[in-house]
Protein backbone atom coordinates (compact mmCIF):
# COMPACT_ATOMS: atom_id res chain seq x y z
CA UNK A 1 -0.22 -0.30 0.05
CA UNK A 2 1.26 3.64 -0.48
CA UNK A 3 2.05 6.07 1.98
CA UNK A 4 0.94 9.48 0.76
CA UNK A 5 4.22 11.76 0.72
CA UNK A 6 4.11 15.43 1.17
CA UNK A 7 3.19 17.41 -1.53
CA UNK A 8 6.57 18.59 -3.28
CA UNK A 9 5.13 22.36 -2.85
CA UNK A 10 5.55 21.95 0.52
CA UNK A 11 8.66 21.42 0.12
CA UNK A 12 9.11 25.47 0.21
CA UNK A 13 7.51 25.60 3.12
CA UNK A 14 9.86 23.16 5.04
CA UNK A 15 12.72 26.03 4.14
CA UNK A 16 12.10 28.71 5.44
CA UNK A 17 14.00 30.99 8.53
CA UNK A 18 11.36 29.37 11.03
CA UNK A 19 12.81 26.10 11.12
CA UNK A 20 16.26 27.59 10.83
CA UNK A 21 15.35 29.05 13.92
CA UNK A 22 13.87 25.49 15.13
CA UNK A 23 16.19 22.97 14.30
CA UNK A 24 19.02 24.49 13.00
CA UNK A 25 20.50 21.85 10.27
CA UNK A 26 24.12 22.99 11.32
CA UNK A 27 23.70 22.67 14.69
CA UNK A 28 21.96 18.50 14.73
CA UNK A 29 24.52 17.04 11.35
CA UNK A 30 28.25 19.14 13.00
CA UNK A 31 28.51 16.84 15.49
CA UNK A 32 28.15 13.36 13.11
CA UNK A 33 29.24 14.64 8.91
CA UNK A 34 32.20 15.84 8.68
CA UNK A 35 35.20 16.34 6.82
CA UNK A 36 35.82 13.41 3.46
CA UNK A 37 32.45 11.86 3.94
CA UNK A 38 29.59 10.50 1.73
CA UNK A 39 26.69 10.95 3.17
CA UNK A 40 23.21 9.22 1.82
CA UNK A 41 19.85 12.48 2.88
CA UNK A 42 16.74 10.26 1.58
CA UNK A 43 13.42 11.93 1.11
CA UNK A 44 15.72 15.82 1.30
CA UNK A 45 13.52 17.67 -0.55
CA UNK A 46 14.52 20.67 -1.62
CA UNK A 47 17.76 20.42 0.84
CA UNK A 48 17.17 22.12 4.04
CA UNK A 49 19.65 19.16 5.64
CA UNK A 50 21.17 18.56 2.52
CA UNK A 51 23.22 22.24 1.57
CA UNK A 52 24.26 21.20 4.97
CA UNK A 53 25.43 18.61 4.67
CA UNK A 54 27.62 19.39 1.85
CA UNK A 55 29.09 22.67 2.96
CA UNK A 56 30.36 20.04 6.34
CA UNK A 57 31.75 17.64 4.21
CA UNK A 58 34.11 19.82 2.82
CA UNK A 59 35.33 19.62 -1.09
CA UNK A 60 36.61 15.35 -0.71
CA UNK A 61 32.87 14.89 0.45
CA UNK A 62 29.39 14.64 -1.66
CA UNK A 63 26.13 14.16 -0.11
CA UNK A 64 23.68 11.69 -2.25
CA UNK A 65 20.64 13.54 -2.08
CA UNK A 66 17.58 10.44 -3.40
CA UNK A 67 14.00 11.35 -3.40
CA UNK A 68 11.06 10.22 -5.92
CA UNK A 69 9.92 14.17 -6.62
CA UNK A 70 11.89 15.21 -9.18
CA UNK A 71 10.65 18.52 -8.45
CA UNK A 72 11.93 18.42 -5.53
CA UNK A 73 15.39 17.21 -6.85
CA UNK A 74 14.86 20.05 -9.10
CA UNK A 75 15.21 22.58 -5.90
CA UNK A 76 17.32 21.26 -4.22
CA UNK A 77 20.11 21.92 -7.42
CA UNK A 78 18.76 25.47 -7.47
CA UNK A 79 18.62 26.07 -3.97
CA UNK A 80 22.58 24.23 -4.21
CA UNK A 81 24.25 25.94 -7.72
CA UNK A 82 23.00 29.28 -5.77
CA UNK A 83 24.86 27.76 -2.35
CA UNK A 84 27.52 27.34 -4.06
CA UNK A 85 27.41 23.28 -3.11
CA UNK A 86 26.51 21.90 -6.67
CA UNK A 87 29.93 20.01 -7.09
CA UNK A 88 28.77 18.57 -3.07
CA UNK A 89 25.89 16.97 -4.03
CA UNK A 90 25.05 14.38 -6.20
CA UNK A 91 21.36 13.95 -7.30
CA UNK A 92 18.40 10.41 -7.96
CA UNK A 93 14.80 9.89 -8.01
CA UNK A 94 14.31 7.03 -6.22
CA UNK A 95 11.70 4.78 -5.71
CA UNK A 96 9.39 4.10 -2.34
CA UNK A 97 10.67 0.87 -2.21
CA UNK A 98 14.15 1.54 -2.84
CA UNK A 99 15.92 3.88 -2.50
CA UNK A 100 18.53 3.46 -5.93
CA UNK A 101 22.43 3.71 -3.86
CA UNK A 102 25.49 0.08 -3.45
CA UNK A 103 27.92 2.70 -2.86
CA UNK A 104 29.54 2.85 0.68
CA UNK A 105 28.44 6.36 3.14
CA UNK A 106 29.28 7.35 6.45
CA UNK A 107 25.91 9.30 7.04
CA UNK A 108 21.87 8.09 6.43
CA UNK A 109 19.83 11.74 7.35
CA UNK A 110 16.98 9.54 7.76
CA UNK A 111 14.94 12.78 8.73
CA UNK A 112 11.61 12.96 8.76
CA UNK A 113 10.77 10.42 5.81
CA UNK A 114 10.00 7.45 6.77
CA UNK A 115 6.71 7.15 8.43
CA UNK A 116 6.48 8.25 4.46
CA UNK A 117 7.80 5.03 3.24
CA UNK A 118 5.54 1.73 2.32
CA UNK A 119 8.18 -0.45 3.83
CA UNK A 120 10.46 0.69 6.06
CA UNK A 121 11.79 -3.17 6.93
CA UNK A 122 13.22 -2.57 3.30
CA UNK A 123 15.07 0.59 4.17
CA UNK A 124 16.37 0.03 6.88
CA UNK A 125 17.91 -3.75 5.59
CA UNK A 126 18.64 -1.76 2.19
CA UNK A 127 20.27 1.60 3.95
CA UNK A 128 22.15 -1.48 6.89
CA UNK A 129 23.85 -2.86 3.76
CA UNK A 130 26.05 0.77 2.37
CA UNK A 131 26.99 1.43 5.84
CA UNK A 132 30.37 1.74 6.90
CA UNK A 133 32.31 0.44 9.68
CA UNK A 134 31.20 2.83 11.83
CA UNK A 135 28.77 4.40 10.31
CA UNK A 136 25.20 6.27 11.37
CA UNK A 137 22.04 6.66 10.42
CA UNK A 138 20.72 10.20 11.95
CA UNK A 139 17.44 8.99 12.92
CA UNK A 140 14.70 12.06 13.12
CA UNK A 141 10.20 11.66 12.56
CA UNK A 142 7.70 15.48 13.74
CA UNK A 143 6.28 14.98 16.52
CA UNK A 144 3.26 15.82 14.89
CA UNK A 145 2.90 12.91 12.36
CA UNK A 146 4.30 10.31 14.56
CA UNK A 147 3.78 9.24 18.04
CA UNK A 148 5.88 7.81 20.43
CA UNK A 149 4.40 4.36 20.17
CA UNK A 150 4.61 5.21 16.30
CA UNK A 151 8.71 5.78 16.75
CA UNK A 152 8.84 2.17 18.57
CA UNK A 153 7.49 0.45 15.83
CA UNK A 154 9.85 2.55 13.24
CA UNK A 155 12.36 1.82 15.71
CA UNK A 156 11.97 -1.43 16.08
CA UNK A 157 12.07 -2.34 12.64
CA UNK A 158 15.27 -0.37 12.42
CA UNK A 159 16.88 -3.16 15.08
CA UNK A 160 15.68 -6.37 13.30
CA UNK A 161 17.68 -4.87 10.86
CA UNK A 162 20.36 -5.25 13.23
CA UNK A 163 20.89 -1.13 13.29
CA UNK A 164 21.34 -0.12 16.93
CA UNK A 165 20.34 2.73 19.45
CA UNK A 166 23.66 4.87 20.05
CA UNK A 167 22.40 8.07 21.12
CA UNK A 168 18.91 10.00 21.04
CA UNK A 169 19.62 13.66 20.37
CA UNK A 170 17.31 16.44 21.30
CA UNK A 171 15.85 17.96 17.92
CA UNK A 172 12.95 19.95 18.50
CA UNK A 173 9.35 18.82 17.71
CA UNK A 174 10.50 15.55 16.49
CA UNK A 175 11.16 11.82 17.56
CA UNK A 176 15.61 11.12 17.30
CA UNK A 177 17.71 8.36 17.57
CA UNK A 178 21.38 7.86 15.59
CA UNK A 179 21.20 4.08 15.05
CA UNK A 180 24.46 1.91 14.33
CA UNK A 181 24.89 -1.41 12.61
CA UNK A 182 24.30 -3.27 15.22
């Protein structure tokens, strides 16, 4: 069964300065993303976390941004060019049931999107398969869409895929965890 996917035009609302004040992407990502890393951003929308991640990975790193909506990625590419980060960001259209990434990654950003995925079991399995040793998954879901019980179910699914909780960072208006290979 296909789950609801955030309409592409909502992406413009998600990259506003008020959200940046509430959820500063630089502060959220800085403990996990470093120079030279490969970061996968699943469901990046118009790049609220993607562009800051591209600054953190530096010239020797890259961010792979995958989304089911080409219009989101087109807007992300435009914003990345305007920010001078286009050369560090690779965008790919994926499917709802397949992230379509096989290269090894250091960090996976699964931010405010797992609740839109029809098969979270497959998603976490695919992420685990490409996560480098020592790599992490930064997982966050919006409190307004995902209850505490639903988030626990997501964590249980991730655990069944071989990922364990190593941290529970505080991200405003979100339920969050950092996962690593068990």
